[in-house]
Amino acid sequence: MTQYQTKSAGLSSAVFYLLAFIAGALSHLAFAPYDYWLLLPLSLSALLLLSQQKSAKQGLLTGLAWGFGQFIFGLRWVHVSIAEFGGMPLVASLTLIALLALYLALYPALVIYALNRWCNGNHISRLCAFPALWLVGEYLRGAVMTGFPWLWSGYSQLNGPMASLIPLVGALGVGLLLSVAAVALSSLIQGHWRYAIPLLVIAALPFGFSKSQWIEPTGESRDVALVQGNIAQNMKWQQDQLWPTMLKYQQLSIPHFDADLIVWPEAAVPAPEAMVSDFLVQFEDGVTAAGSELITGIISMDDQRNFYNSLLVLNQPQRQQHFSPADDNRYHKHQLLPIGEFVPFQELLRPLAPFFNLPMSSFARGDLVQTNLHVADTNIAPAICYEIAFPELVRGAVNPATDMLLTVSNDAWFGQSIGPLQHMAIAQMRALELGKPLLRVTNNGVTAIVTPTGEIQSQLPQFVSGVLRDKVALYQGQTPFAQYGQAPLYWLAAVMLGWGLLISRLHRPRMRWRSSNA
C-alpha cells in the first residue's frame, strides 16, 4: 500500500468513527426529557451499518466511538455534581466525565467486537447474535463494579409504542426487541427485503398487549402528602442548618396531618437519628394525635456504629410506644452509590480532592432483601435514590401483599440538568414493570405520583418548596415481569446467540460478505 493509500485508509476510518460518535450522541435524545424514541433503533442500525464488514478490532473502535457519543452527552449531568459540589476544577471534572463515558462505552464496543469476531458472515447470524450480545452487554453494564444501568435502551420507549410490552419483558427485554428491530432495519436498508418480516413483527407486537391487562383496582385508595423541602445542596449538611431544615419540613407537613400518609425525601433529616430523637418523639406525637403516619429519610446507626442511609416510619399506633432507634419498621439502603455513599480504594482517593470526601460517603450496606414498610395499613416496597435503577432489586422487594412502591431521592446534586428527569423516567419504568402505583419524593424535584401504567398522575414543579397532596388508588394482580423478572430473557439470549454462532460457523468457509447469504 502506498503512502497516499495509507493516509486515505486512515481518513476513511476516522470518518467512520466520527459518524459512529454522532450516531451515539443523537441516541441520547431518545431518552428523557426529549423522548424521541425512534432515534434509538435508528442509531443502533447506523452502528451496525458502520461496523459491518469491518475487522473485530475496527468493530471495537466503532462501538467505542458510538458508546462514547451516547454517554458523554446522555450523562453530562454527572459533571454538575463533580464541578459544582465536588470542588474539582473544570479540567479535572471534564476528564472524569470523559473517563466515565469511555468506561461505559466499552460495553457496546465489546458487543460489536464479539459480533464481528464470530458472527460477521451473513445477515441471519447477525440477526440472531446481535440482540443476544446487546442484552448481555447491557446486563453487564448494570452489574459489573456495582453496576450502572442508566440509559438502558428500553428506557427510550417509556413514551413510545413499545411501552405496552414493558410489564411483560421489562426495560432489558424491550432493549432486546429494539436491537432485533435495528439489525433487521440495517439489513433492509441494504436491500434484503425479507428482513421486513421481523421488523413488521416487532412493530405489531405492542398492539397485542395492554399496559393494564394484568392488574385491576381494588377500590381502595390512600390519601398521601409528599413533601418537597427544596433545601439548597450547599446548605443541606451544614450543622447550623439542621434545625431550620427540620422545622421547615415540620411546617410544610402540619397542614396535611389529616392525610393517611406523609412522606419526606431522602435524608430529609440530615443527621444521625440519635442527635434528633427528641424532635422525632415530639413530632410523632403530633402526627399520631392527628391520625396520620409518616415516612422520612434519615441517617441510622446500629450498635456497631455503622451508619446507614435509611427510611424510618413514625407511626406510634403500630408500636404502642414512642419512637425508638430499635424499631424494625425501617429500611436501610442496599445499593450504594460509588463516591457519593462509599468510596472504593478510599485510602488512595480521599486525599486527592474534596469530591472524594462528600458528606456521608461512608455508609454501610443494608440487606439485599428486607421486609416492606408497613404504614397507614399499606405495605410499601422502598428504594432509595440510585436503587430505583435496578429492576431486579426493586422486584425482589415486591411480593403479592405489596400495595405500592416508594422511592425517595435528593437530586439537588445535579442542579438544573437532565439527570433528575432521567431519574424520574426510570422510576416510571419500575411502576410499569411491576404494575404498582409509585410515590417519588425528592428534595427539589421531581416529586410525583405514578400510576401502575407508568403515567405521571400528579407532580410538583422542580426547585420549589411544596407538598403534593393526592389520592393513590391501589391495585391487585401481578405483571409477568413481577412474576418472572429478567431470567427468561437470559435463556432467550442464550438460544439466539447459539443459533447465531452455529449459522456463522456453517458459512465460515466463504469468508466474505455475500448478499446471497441472506
Protein backbone atom coordinates (compact mmCIF):
# COMPACT_ATOMS: atom_id res chain seq x y z
CA MET A 1 0.00 0.00 0.00
CA THR A 2 1.37 3.41 -0.96
CA GLN A 3 1.74 6.28 1.48
CA TYR A 4 -1.25 8.01 -0.17
CA GLN A 5 -3.39 4.86 0.15
CA THR A 6 -2.41 4.51 3.81
CA LYS A 7 -3.47 8.09 4.54
CA SER A 8 -6.73 7.58 2.64
CA ALA A 9 -7.50 4.43 4.61
CA GLY A 10 -6.78 6.26 7.87
CA LEU A 11 -9.01 9.16 6.85
CA SER A 12 -11.78 6.75 5.85
CA SER A 13 -11.61 5.01 9.24
CA ALA A 14 -11.64 8.34 11.06
CA VAL A 15 -14.80 9.36 9.18
CA PHE A 16 -16.48 6.08 10.12
CA TYR A 17 -15.61 6.57 13.78
CA LEU A 18 -16.84 10.17 13.67
CA LEU A 19 -20.14 9.03 12.15
CA ALA A 20 -20.47 6.39 14.87
CA PHE A 21 -19.82 9.05 17.52
CA ILE A 22 -22.52 11.29 16.01
CA ALA A 23 -24.99 8.37 15.86
CA GLY A 24 -24.34 7.60 19.52
CA ALA A 25 -24.68 11.24 20.51
CA LEU A 26 -28.03 11.52 18.74
CA SER A 27 -29.28 8.38 20.51
CA HIS A 28 -29.36 10.16 23.87
CA LEU A 29 -32.24 12.25 22.53
CA ALA A 30 -34.38 9.10 22.60
CA PHE A 31 -34.36 9.26 26.42
CA ALA A 32 -35.99 11.65 28.88
CA PRO A 33 -36.53 14.53 28.77
CA TYR A 34 -36.54 14.53 24.96
CA ASP A 35 -38.26 11.18 24.27
CA TYR A 36 -37.61 11.00 20.53
CA TRP A 37 -37.95 7.22 20.90
CA LEU A 38 -37.44 6.38 17.21
CA LEU A 39 -33.86 7.66 17.35
CA LEU A 40 -32.68 4.67 19.41
CA PRO A 41 -33.36 1.90 16.84
CA LEU A 42 -32.19 4.20 14.05
CA SER A 43 -28.95 4.91 15.92
CA LEU A 44 -28.36 1.19 16.56
CA SER A 45 -28.96 0.50 12.86
CA ALA A 46 -26.35 3.11 11.99
CA LEU A 47 -23.90 1.44 14.38
CA LEU A 48 -24.47 -1.92 12.68
CA LEU A 49 -24.08 -0.50 9.19
CA LEU A 50 -20.88 1.35 10.11
CA SER A 51 -19.32 -1.72 11.73
CA GLN A 52 -20.41 -4.25 9.10
CA GLN A 53 -17.67 -5.91 7.07
CA LYS A 54 -15.06 -4.48 9.42
CA SER A 55 -12.49 -6.46 11.35
CA ALA A 56 -13.11 -7.25 15.01
CA LYS A 57 -10.68 -4.51 16.02
CA GLN A 58 -12.37 -1.95 13.77
CA GLY A 59 -15.73 -3.05 15.18
CA LEU A 60 -14.40 -2.50 18.68
CA LEU A 61 -13.36 1.07 17.86
CA THR A 62 -16.64 1.78 16.07
CA GLY A 63 -18.63 0.57 19.09
CA LEU A 64 -16.38 2.59 21.39
CA ALA A 65 -16.99 5.76 19.37
CA TRP A 66 -20.76 5.15 19.37
CA GLY A 67 -20.87 4.46 23.11
CA PHE A 68 -18.68 7.46 23.93
CA GLY A 69 -21.05 9.70 21.96
CA GLN A 70 -24.10 8.37 23.79
CA PHE A 71 -22.67 8.57 27.30
CA ILE A 72 -20.73 11.82 27.05
CA PHE A 73 -23.95 13.59 26.09
CA GLY A 74 -26.50 11.43 27.92
CA LEU A 75 -24.63 11.58 31.24
CA ARG A 76 -23.39 15.16 31.07
CA TRP A 77 -25.37 15.84 34.25
CA VAL A 78 -22.67 13.99 36.25
CA HIS A 79 -20.41 16.97 35.58
CA VAL A 80 -22.69 19.17 37.72
CA SER A 81 -22.11 17.16 40.90
CA ILE A 82 -18.37 16.86 40.23
CA ALA A 83 -17.73 20.51 39.36
CA GLU A 84 -20.29 22.40 41.47
CA PHE A 85 -20.41 20.23 44.59
CA GLY A 86 -17.25 18.13 44.34
CA GLY A 87 -14.81 21.02 44.44
CA MET A 88 -12.88 19.93 41.33
CA PRO A 89 -11.53 22.31 38.67
CA LEU A 90 -13.18 22.29 35.26
CA VAL A 91 -10.41 20.38 33.50
CA ALA A 92 -10.42 17.64 36.14
CA SER A 93 -14.21 17.46 36.08
CA LEU A 94 -14.34 17.12 32.29
CA THR A 95 -11.60 14.50 32.43
CA LEU A 96 -13.54 12.42 34.94
CA ILE A 97 -16.80 12.53 32.96
CA ALA A 98 -14.85 11.60 29.82
CA LEU A 99 -13.28 8.63 31.62
CA LEU A 100 -16.70 7.53 32.87
CA ALA A 101 -18.15 7.76 29.36
CA LEU A 102 -15.16 5.89 27.95
CA TYR A 103 -15.57 3.10 30.51
CA LEU A 104 -19.30 2.72 29.79
CA ALA A 105 -18.58 2.78 26.04
CA LEU A 106 -16.52 -0.40 26.48
CA TYR A 107 -19.74 -2.41 26.70
CA PRO A 108 -21.16 -1.58 23.23
CA ALA A 109 -17.57 -1.76 21.94
CA LEU A 110 -17.16 -5.34 23.18
CA VAL A 111 -20.58 -6.24 21.76
CA ILE A 112 -19.54 -5.14 18.26
CA TYR A 113 -16.12 -6.75 18.68
CA ALA A 114 -17.73 -10.11 19.50
CA LEU A 115 -20.27 -9.72 16.70
CA ASN A 116 -17.57 -9.04 14.09
CA ARG A 117 -15.24 -11.66 15.54
CA TRP A 118 -17.66 -14.58 15.45
CA CYS A 119 -20.79 -13.57 13.51
CA ASN A 120 -19.69 -11.37 10.63
CA GLY A 121 -20.57 -13.94 8.00
CA ASN A 122 -24.13 -13.05 7.00
CA HIS A 123 -27.27 -11.17 7.91
CA ILE A 124 -29.05 -14.11 9.55
CA SER A 125 -26.25 -14.81 12.00
CA ARG A 126 -26.15 -11.12 12.94
CA LEU A 127 -29.94 -11.07 13.35
CA CYS A 128 -29.65 -13.85 15.92
CA ALA A 129 -26.42 -12.85 17.63
CA PHE A 130 -26.55 -9.07 17.91
CA PRO A 131 -29.70 -8.85 20.09
CA ALA A 132 -28.30 -11.53 22.41
CA LEU A 133 -24.93 -9.80 22.68
CA TRP A 134 -26.60 -6.43 23.19
CA LEU A 135 -28.65 -7.81 26.08
CA VAL A 136 -25.52 -9.33 27.65
CA GLY A 137 -23.71 -6.01 27.27
CA GLU A 138 -26.49 -4.04 28.94
CA TYR A 139 -26.84 -6.61 31.72
CA LEU A 140 -23.11 -6.50 32.45
CA ARG A 141 -23.09 -2.71 32.45
CA GLY A 142 -25.80 -2.89 35.12
CA ALA A 143 -23.88 -5.43 37.24
CA VAL A 144 -20.09 -5.01 36.99
CA MET A 145 -18.45 -2.89 39.72
CA THR A 146 -21.83 -2.28 41.46
CA GLY A 147 -23.41 -1.58 38.07
CA PHE A 148 -24.61 1.49 36.18
CA PRO A 149 -27.78 0.60 34.25
CA TRP A 150 -28.56 4.22 33.33
CA LEU A 151 -29.60 4.72 29.67
CA TRP A 152 -30.52 1.09 29.08
CA SER A 153 -32.06 1.02 25.61
CA GLY A 154 -35.52 0.09 26.89
CA TYR A 155 -35.86 3.35 28.81
CA SER A 156 -36.12 5.16 25.49
CA GLN A 157 -39.52 3.55 24.88
CA LEU A 158 -41.34 4.68 28.03
CA ASN A 159 -43.46 7.05 25.93
CA GLY A 160 -43.21 5.06 22.72
CA PRO A 161 -45.43 2.34 21.22
CA MET A 162 -43.44 -0.46 22.88
CA ALA A 163 -44.41 0.72 26.36
CA SER A 164 -47.22 -1.86 26.47
CA LEU A 165 -44.57 -4.62 26.40
CA ILE A 166 -42.74 -3.33 29.48
CA PRO A 167 -44.96 -5.17 32.03
CA LEU A 168 -44.19 -8.33 30.07
CA VAL A 169 -40.43 -8.18 29.47
CA GLY A 170 -39.18 -5.12 31.37
CA ALA A 171 -36.70 -2.48 30.29
CA LEU A 172 -34.00 -5.00 29.40
CA GLY A 173 -36.42 -7.06 27.30
CA VAL A 174 -37.60 -4.03 25.36
CA GLY A 175 -33.94 -3.26 24.68
CA LEU A 176 -33.56 -6.74 23.21
CA LEU A 177 -36.57 -6.17 20.92
CA LEU A 178 -35.15 -2.82 19.83
CA SER A 179 -31.88 -4.48 18.90
CA VAL A 180 -33.78 -7.06 16.81
CA ALA A 181 -35.53 -4.20 15.03
CA ALA A 182 -32.21 -2.40 14.49
CA VAL A 183 -30.40 -5.34 12.90
CA ALA A 184 -33.44 -6.11 10.71
CA LEU A 185 -33.60 -2.47 9.64
CA SER A 186 -29.90 -2.41 8.78
CA SER A 187 -30.36 -5.44 6.51
CA LEU A 188 -33.49 -3.94 4.98
CA ILE A 189 -31.62 -0.74 4.16
CA GLN A 190 -29.14 -2.84 2.18
CA GLY A 191 -31.97 -4.19 0.04
CA HIS A 192 -32.61 -7.54 1.76
CA TRP A 193 -36.38 -7.28 1.74
CA ARG A 194 -37.09 -10.47 3.67
CA TYR A 195 -35.89 -8.67 6.80
CA ALA A 196 -39.01 -6.54 6.65
CA ILE A 197 -40.78 -9.53 8.23
CA PRO A 198 -39.09 -9.41 11.68
CA LEU A 199 -39.32 -5.62 11.57
CA LEU A 200 -43.08 -5.78 10.98
CA VAL A 201 -43.49 -8.40 13.72
CA ILE A 202 -41.68 -6.17 16.23
CA ALA A 203 -43.79 -3.19 15.16
CA ALA A 204 -47.03 -5.20 15.55
CA LEU A 205 -46.24 -6.77 18.93
CA PRO A 206 -47.29 -3.83 21.12
CA PHE A 207 -50.79 -3.84 19.65
CA GLY A 208 -51.44 -7.27 21.18
CA PHE A 209 -50.93 -6.08 24.75
CA SER A 210 -52.30 -3.52 27.16
CA LYS A 211 -50.29 -1.90 29.94
CA SER A 212 -53.08 -2.63 32.44
CA GLN A 213 -54.27 -6.09 31.40
CA TRP A 214 -52.61 -7.89 34.33
CA ILE A 215 -53.84 -5.64 37.11
CA GLU A 216 -57.15 -4.24 38.38
CA PRO A 217 -58.10 -1.66 41.01
CA THR A 218 -59.08 -2.90 44.47
CA GLY A 219 -61.40 0.04 45.10
CA GLU A 220 -59.17 1.26 47.94
CA SER A 221 -57.03 4.38 47.95
CA ARG A 222 -54.64 6.26 50.22
CA ASP A 223 -54.55 9.99 50.79
CA VAL A 224 -50.86 10.94 50.62
CA ALA A 225 -48.88 14.13 51.15
CA LEU A 226 -45.40 14.21 49.58
CA VAL A 227 -43.17 16.95 50.99
CA GLN A 228 -40.55 18.65 48.81
CA GLY A 229 -38.35 20.84 51.03
CA ASN A 230 -36.10 22.31 48.30
CA ILE A 231 -33.10 22.64 50.62
CA ALA A 232 -30.06 24.01 48.79
CA GLN A 233 -27.41 21.33 48.42
CA ASN A 234 -24.61 23.57 49.65
CA MET A 235 -26.60 24.14 52.87
CA LYS A 236 -28.00 20.68 53.46
CA TRP A 237 -25.15 19.24 55.53
CA GLN A 238 -24.13 22.38 57.38
CA GLN A 239 -24.57 21.88 61.11
CA ASP A 240 -26.21 25.27 61.69
CA GLN A 241 -28.87 24.38 59.09
CA LEU A 242 -30.02 21.16 60.78
CA TRP A 243 -32.81 22.66 62.89
CA PRO A 244 -34.02 25.15 60.26
CA THR A 245 -34.25 22.22 57.83
CA MET A 246 -36.29 20.03 60.18
CA LEU A 247 -38.55 22.92 61.17
CA LYS A 248 -39.19 23.65 57.51
CA TYR A 249 -40.33 20.07 56.89
CA GLN A 250 -42.45 20.22 60.04
CA GLN A 251 -44.16 23.45 58.96
CA LEU A 252 -44.82 22.12 55.46
CA SER A 253 -46.33 18.94 56.91
CA ILE A 254 -48.59 20.26 59.68
CA PRO A 255 -51.38 21.47 57.34
CA HIS A 256 -51.54 17.90 55.95
CA PHE A 257 -51.82 15.99 59.23
CA ASP A 258 -55.23 14.77 58.04
CA ALA A 259 -53.58 12.71 55.25
CA ASP A 260 -53.25 8.94 55.63
CA LEU A 261 -49.54 9.15 54.90
CA ILE A 262 -46.93 11.91 54.82
CA VAL A 263 -43.56 11.24 53.16
CA TRP A 264 -40.32 13.21 53.41
CA PRO A 265 -37.44 12.66 50.94
CA GLU A 266 -34.04 11.01 51.24
CA ALA A 267 -32.07 12.33 54.25
CA ALA A 268 -34.73 14.93 54.92
CA VAL A 269 -33.39 14.76 58.48
CA PRO A 270 -29.68 15.36 57.68
CA ALA A 271 -28.27 13.93 60.92
CA PRO A 272 -27.93 10.63 62.77
CA GLU A 273 -31.24 9.88 64.44
CA ALA A 274 -29.65 9.77 67.93
CA MET A 275 -28.99 13.52 67.58
CA VAL A 276 -32.63 14.32 66.84
CA SER A 277 -34.52 11.68 68.81
CA ASP A 278 -36.31 14.28 70.96
CA PHE A 279 -37.59 16.04 67.87
CA LEU A 280 -38.74 12.74 66.37
CA VAL A 281 -40.61 11.74 69.54
CA GLN A 282 -42.42 15.07 69.73
CA PHE A 283 -43.20 15.16 66.02
CA GLU A 284 -44.51 11.60 66.19
CA ASP A 285 -46.87 12.64 68.98
CA GLY A 286 -48.29 15.34 66.74
CA VAL A 287 -48.65 13.07 63.74
CA THR A 288 -50.26 10.34 65.86
CA ALA A 289 -52.71 12.72 67.54
CA ALA A 290 -53.92 13.82 64.10
CA GLY A 291 -54.34 10.21 62.94
CA SER A 292 -51.64 10.33 60.27
CA GLU A 293 -48.36 8.46 59.80
CA LEU A 294 -45.03 9.50 58.30
CA ILE A 295 -42.00 8.12 56.47
CA THR A 296 -38.79 10.10 56.46
CA GLY A 297 -35.29 9.69 55.12
CA ILE A 298 -32.74 9.72 57.92
CA ILE A 299 -29.26 8.55 58.92
CA SER A 300 -29.45 5.39 61.06
CA MET A 301 -26.73 3.92 63.27
CA ASP A 302 -26.55 0.36 64.64
CA ASP A 303 -24.88 -0.98 67.78
CA GLN A 304 -21.56 -1.36 65.93
CA ARG A 305 -21.68 2.33 64.97
CA ASN A 306 -22.31 1.55 61.30
CA PHE A 307 -24.21 4.34 59.55
CA TYR A 308 -27.00 3.64 57.05
CA ASN A 309 -28.95 5.72 54.57
CA SER A 310 -32.39 4.78 55.84
CA LEU A 311 -36.14 5.25 55.77
CA LEU A 312 -37.89 5.48 59.14
CA VAL A 313 -41.60 5.13 59.89
CA LEU A 314 -43.18 7.31 62.57
CA ASN A 315 -46.45 5.60 63.45
CA GLN A 316 -46.91 5.21 67.17
CA PRO A 317 -50.22 3.28 66.89
CA GLN A 318 -48.35 0.44 65.19
CA ARG A 319 -45.85 0.18 68.08
CA GLN A 320 -47.97 1.19 71.08
CA GLN A 321 -44.95 3.15 72.30
CA HIS A 322 -42.78 6.12 71.38
CA PHE A 323 -40.18 6.18 68.64
CA SER A 324 -37.04 4.19 69.38
CA PRO A 325 -33.85 3.55 67.36
CA ALA A 326 -34.52 -0.16 67.92
CA ASP A 327 -37.72 -0.15 65.83
CA ASP A 328 -37.56 -2.59 62.95
CA ASN A 329 -40.11 -0.85 60.69
CA ARG A 330 -37.39 0.81 58.66
CA TYR A 331 -35.34 0.28 55.52
CA HIS A 332 -31.56 0.52 55.03
CA LYS A 333 -30.28 1.28 51.53
CA HIS A 334 -28.54 -1.70 49.91
CA GLN A 335 -27.30 -0.47 46.51
CA LEU A 336 -24.89 2.27 47.49
CA LEU A 337 -23.71 4.93 45.08
CA PRO A 338 -19.93 4.83 44.45
CA ILE A 339 -18.18 8.02 45.64
CA GLY A 340 -21.44 9.52 46.96
CA GLU A 341 -22.10 6.86 49.63
CA PHE A 342 -18.96 4.78 49.71
CA VAL A 343 -15.51 5.37 48.27
CA PRO A 344 -13.72 2.40 46.67
CA PHE A 345 -9.97 2.47 47.29
CA GLN A 346 -10.68 5.26 49.78
CA GLU A 347 -7.14 5.31 51.19
CA LEU A 348 -5.92 6.28 47.73
CA LEU A 349 -8.76 8.52 46.55
CA ARG A 350 -9.88 10.52 49.58
CA PRO A 351 -6.66 12.62 49.79
CA LEU A 352 -6.89 13.61 46.12
CA ALA A 353 -9.85 16.04 46.09
CA PRO A 354 -12.93 17.21 48.04
CA PHE A 355 -15.04 15.25 45.52
CA PHE A 356 -13.93 12.05 47.25
CA ASN A 357 -14.90 13.39 50.68
CA LEU A 358 -18.54 14.26 50.11
CA PRO A 359 -20.76 14.39 53.23
CA MET A 360 -21.96 10.96 54.37
CA SER A 361 -19.80 8.97 51.92
CA SER A 362 -19.07 6.12 54.34
CA PHE A 363 -22.37 4.28 54.61
CA ALA A 364 -22.77 0.60 55.43
CA ARG A 365 -24.90 -1.59 53.16
CA GLY A 366 -28.35 -2.82 54.17
CA ASP A 367 -29.55 -6.37 53.49
CA LEU A 368 -30.40 -7.35 49.94
CA VAL A 369 -33.91 -8.49 50.90
CA GLN A 370 -35.82 -6.52 53.54
CA THR A 371 -39.44 -6.55 54.61
CA ASN A 372 -41.84 -3.96 53.24
CA LEU A 373 -42.51 -0.87 55.30
CA HIS A 374 -45.93 -1.12 56.92
CA VAL A 375 -47.58 2.26 57.29
CA ALA A 376 -51.17 3.55 57.01
CA ASP A 377 -52.43 -0.04 56.55
CA THR A 378 -50.27 -0.20 53.45
CA ASN A 379 -47.32 -2.41 52.52
CA ILE A 380 -44.71 -0.33 50.71
CA ALA A 381 -41.64 -1.60 48.83
CA PRO A 382 -38.99 1.15 49.16
CA ALA A 383 -35.95 2.14 47.12
CA ILE A 384 -33.61 4.99 47.95
CA CYS A 385 -32.31 7.16 45.11
CA TYR A 386 -29.99 5.15 42.84
CA GLU A 387 -31.65 1.83 43.80
CA ILE A 388 -34.69 2.52 41.62
CA ALA A 389 -32.46 1.98 38.55
CA PHE A 390 -32.02 -1.73 39.41
CA PRO A 391 -35.15 -3.63 38.30
CA GLU A 392 -34.33 -6.95 39.95
CA LEU A 393 -33.51 -5.24 43.26
CA VAL A 394 -36.88 -3.47 43.28
CA ARG A 395 -38.68 -6.57 42.05
CA GLY A 396 -37.10 -8.57 44.89
CA ALA A 397 -38.78 -6.24 47.40
CA VAL A 398 -42.24 -6.74 45.88
CA ASN A 399 -44.50 -9.59 46.99
CA PRO A 400 -48.21 -10.33 46.47
CA ALA A 401 -49.06 -8.27 49.58
CA THR A 402 -47.18 -5.16 48.38
CA ASP A 403 -49.54 -2.25 47.75
CA MET A 404 -47.23 0.38 46.30
CA LEU A 405 -43.65 1.39 45.55
CA LEU A 406 -41.81 4.28 47.13
CA THR A 407 -38.60 5.92 46.01
CA VAL A 408 -37.02 8.89 47.75
CA SER A 409 -34.10 10.89 46.45
CA ASN A 410 -32.04 14.05 46.66
CA ASP A 411 -31.34 15.09 43.08
CA ALA A 412 -30.12 18.53 44.12
CA TRP A 413 -26.64 17.14 43.36
CA PHE A 414 -27.46 17.50 39.65
CA GLY A 415 -28.78 21.06 39.56
CA GLN A 416 -30.91 22.06 36.59
CA SER A 417 -29.52 19.31 34.35
CA ILE A 418 -31.36 16.48 32.60
CA GLY A 419 -30.28 14.00 35.32
CA PRO A 420 -33.36 14.33 37.58
CA LEU A 421 -35.69 13.97 34.59
CA GLN A 422 -33.94 10.77 33.51
CA HIS A 423 -34.21 9.57 37.12
CA MET A 424 -37.95 10.26 37.07
CA ALA A 425 -38.37 8.23 33.88
CA ILE A 426 -36.52 5.30 35.47
CA ALA A 427 -38.97 5.38 38.40
CA GLN A 428 -41.89 5.37 35.96
CA MET A 429 -40.40 2.28 34.33
CA ARG A 430 -40.38 0.39 37.66
CA ALA A 431 -44.07 1.22 38.25
CA LEU A 432 -44.95 -0.05 34.79
CA GLU A 433 -42.84 -3.21 35.06
CA LEU A 434 -44.35 -4.21 38.39
CA GLY A 435 -47.89 -2.90 37.98
CA LYS A 436 -47.82 -0.90 41.22
CA PRO A 437 -48.51 2.77 41.96
CA LEU A 438 -45.32 4.60 42.86
CA LEU A 439 -44.60 7.57 45.10
CA ARG A 440 -41.48 9.57 44.28
CA VAL A 441 -40.43 12.11 46.91
CA THR A 442 -37.39 14.32 46.37
CA ASN A 443 -35.68 17.30 47.94
CA ASN A 444 -36.07 19.58 44.93
CA GLY A 445 -37.90 17.56 42.26
CA VAL A 446 -39.25 15.72 40.52
CA THR A 447 -41.73 14.81 43.29
CA ALA A 448 -44.58 12.86 41.70
CA ILE A 449 -47.19 10.12 41.92
CA VAL A 450 -47.01 7.49 39.17
CA THR A 451 -49.84 5.17 38.16
CA PRO A 452 -49.26 1.39 37.68
CA THR A 453 -49.27 2.03 33.92
CA GLY A 454 -46.29 4.39 34.18
CA GLU A 455 -48.09 7.71 33.69
CA ILE A 456 -47.45 10.65 36.00
CA GLN A 457 -50.71 11.21 37.88
CA SER A 458 -49.59 14.44 39.53
CA GLN A 459 -46.32 16.21 40.28
CA LEU A 460 -44.73 19.29 41.81
CA PRO A 461 -42.58 21.70 39.82
CA GLN A 462 -38.84 21.42 40.36
CA PHE A 463 -36.95 23.83 42.60
CA VAL A 464 -39.88 24.91 44.77
CA SER A 465 -40.90 24.12 48.34
CA GLY A 466 -44.28 22.47 48.49
CA VAL A 467 -46.48 19.48 49.24
CA LEU A 468 -48.04 17.19 46.65
CA ARG A 469 -51.40 16.01 48.04
CA ASP A 470 -53.42 13.42 46.14
CA LYS A 471 -55.25 10.12 46.45
CA VAL A 472 -53.45 6.99 45.25
CA ALA A 473 -55.60 4.10 44.03
CA LEU A 474 -54.45 0.61 44.99
CA TYR A 475 -54.33 -2.33 42.57
CA GLN A 476 -54.18 -6.10 42.71
CA GLY A 477 -52.62 -8.62 40.34
CA GLN A 478 -49.10 -9.30 39.10
CA THR A 479 -47.47 -8.49 35.80
CA PRO A 480 -45.46 -11.24 34.07
CA PHE A 481 -42.30 -9.26 34.81
CA ALA A 482 -43.18 -9.15 38.52
CA GLN A 483 -43.54 -12.94 38.49
CA TYR A 484 -40.55 -13.98 36.36
CA GLY A 485 -38.24 -10.97 36.10
CA GLN A 486 -35.35 -10.98 33.65
CA ALA A 487 -34.48 -14.70 33.87
CA PRO A 488 -36.46 -15.73 30.71
CA LEU A 489 -34.54 -13.09 28.75
CA TYR A 490 -31.24 -14.73 29.62
CA TRP A 491 -32.42 -18.09 28.30
CA LEU A 492 -33.75 -16.47 25.13
CA ALA A 493 -30.44 -14.65 24.61
CA ALA A 494 -28.51 -17.89 25.07
CA VAL A 495 -30.60 -19.64 22.41
CA MET A 496 -30.31 -16.72 19.98
CA LEU A 497 -26.57 -16.48 20.46
CA GLY A 498 -26.20 -20.22 19.95
CA TRP A 499 -28.10 -20.04 16.66
CA GLY A 500 -26.08 -17.04 15.54
CA LEU A 501 -22.77 -18.81 16.22
CA LEU A 502 -23.94 -22.00 14.51
CA ILE A 503 -25.13 -20.19 11.39
CA SER A 504 -21.91 -18.19 11.25
CA ARG A 505 -19.85 -21.36 11.57
CA LEU A 506 -21.74 -23.03 8.72
CA HIS A 507 -20.94 -20.07 6.45
CA ARG A 508 -17.38 -19.53 7.65
CA PRO A 509 -15.63 -21.19 4.65
CA ARG A 510 -16.93 -18.47 2.36
CA MET A 511 -15.05 -15.80 4.40
CA ARG A 512 -16.65 -12.85 2.70
CA TRP A 513 -19.90 -10.93 2.80
CA ARG A 514 -22.23 -12.03 0.05
CA SER A 515 -25.76 -10.86 -0.47
CA SER A 516 -26.69 -14.42 -1.45
CA ASN A 517 -26.05 -15.47 2.16
CA ALA A 518 -29.13 -13.55 3.14
